[in-house]
Each structure stands twice: as C-alpha cells, then as structure tokens.
Amino acid sequence: LSNRTLHMADGSLVPSLGIWKGVFEWGLAQVETTFKVFPSRASWQMLVGKPLLEQVRAIQDYSADTIQL
C-alpha cells in the first residue's frame, strides 16, 4: 500500500493503492517499468503516461487517436 495521493487532471485527489514493478509487454515491445496503481472509477482500463511511451519509443498520432510501437 501507498500513502500517496495522486492529483488527477480534473483536479480530483485519488489515493494511490501502491506501485507495480515488472516486465510490461505491449505488442513486440518489452520493457521493465513501474506503475502507480489507483482506482480509475471506470474511466479507463489503463492510463499510459509519457515515461512508458518514451520507454517503448511510441509514436502517437493525435488526429487518428492511435499509438504505434
């Protein structure tokens, strides 16, 4: 468990449930990384942040709403 509180983009405060550390596989990409775990309130299954996108060298196309690895 974690005693941290996360600040969401909408200004709400959400308690962190902990940190996950391990190997993450996304398509052919495989990286060792860490994630903060917190309840999304059904807003998304997984929130991918800039650190992970940089690790897998992702290319984000905002107009097509896609991410390429």
Protein backbone atom coordinates (compact mmCIF):
# COMPACT_ATOMS: atom_id res chain seq x y z
CA LEU A 1 0.00 0.00 0.00
CA SER A 2 0.98 3.59 -0.51
CA ASN A 3 0.31 6.73 1.49
CA ARG A 4 0.48 8.94 -1.62
CA THR A 5 -2.40 10.90 -3.07
CA LEU A 6 -2.47 11.45 -6.83
CA HIS A 7 -3.74 14.67 -8.43
CA MET A 8 -5.91 14.00 -11.48
CA ALA A 9 -6.26 16.31 -14.49
CA ASP A 10 -9.78 17.28 -13.39
CA GLY A 11 -8.44 18.45 -10.02
CA SER A 12 -9.68 15.48 -8.02
CA LEU A 13 -7.47 13.69 -5.49
CA VAL A 14 -7.23 9.89 -5.68
CA PRO A 15 -5.41 7.69 -3.16
CA SER A 16 -2.64 5.52 -4.60
CA LEU A 17 -3.12 1.81 -3.91
CA GLY A 18 0.56 1.03 -4.42
CA ILE A 19 3.22 0.54 -7.07
CA TRP A 20 3.59 -2.34 -9.54
CA LYS A 21 7.06 -3.18 -10.86
CA GLY A 22 7.80 -5.76 -13.52
CA VAL A 23 8.17 -6.52 -17.21
CA PHE A 24 5.48 -4.97 -19.41
CA GLU A 25 4.80 -6.39 -22.86
CA TRP A 26 2.93 -4.36 -25.46
CA GLY A 27 2.94 -5.91 -28.91
CA LEU A 28 6.58 -6.66 -29.70
CA ALA A 29 7.84 -4.13 -27.15
CA GLN A 30 9.04 -5.43 -23.80
CA VAL A 31 10.30 -3.12 -21.04
CA GLU A 32 10.95 -3.24 -17.32
CA THR A 33 8.91 -0.47 -15.73
CA THR A 34 6.84 0.64 -12.75
CA PHE A 35 3.21 1.77 -12.48
CA LYS A 36 1.29 3.65 -9.85
CA VAL A 37 -1.89 1.72 -9.11
CA PHE A 38 -5.08 3.65 -8.37
CA PRO A 39 -8.84 3.31 -8.94
CA SER A 40 -9.89 4.77 -12.31
CA ARG A 41 -13.60 4.89 -11.45
CA ALA A 42 -14.23 3.05 -14.76
CA SER A 43 -12.79 5.95 -16.77
CA TRP A 44 -10.17 3.71 -18.43
CA GLN A 45 -8.56 0.29 -18.10
CA MET A 46 -5.03 1.65 -18.09
CA LEU A 47 -3.64 5.16 -18.24
CA VAL A 48 -0.42 5.25 -20.25
CA GLY A 49 1.88 8.13 -19.34
CA LYS A 50 4.79 9.76 -21.08
CA PRO A 51 7.50 7.73 -19.27
CA LEU A 52 6.16 4.42 -20.64
CA LEU A 53 5.53 5.89 -24.10
CA GLU A 54 9.16 7.03 -24.16
CA GLN A 55 10.42 3.63 -22.97
CA VAL A 56 8.69 1.79 -25.82
CA ARG A 57 9.52 4.62 -28.28
CA ALA A 58 5.85 5.03 -29.16
CA ILE A 59 4.60 7.37 -31.86
CA GLN A 60 1.29 8.98 -31.00
CA ASP A 61 -1.00 10.29 -33.75
CA TYR A 62 -3.49 12.59 -32.07
CA SER A 63 -5.62 13.14 -35.20
CA ALA A 64 -6.10 9.38 -35.69
CA ASP A 65 -6.17 8.72 -31.91
CA THR A 66 -3.61 5.91 -32.28
CA ILE A 67 -0.27 4.86 -30.82
CA GLN A 68 2.32 2.98 -32.88
CA LEU A 69 5.17 0.97 -31.41
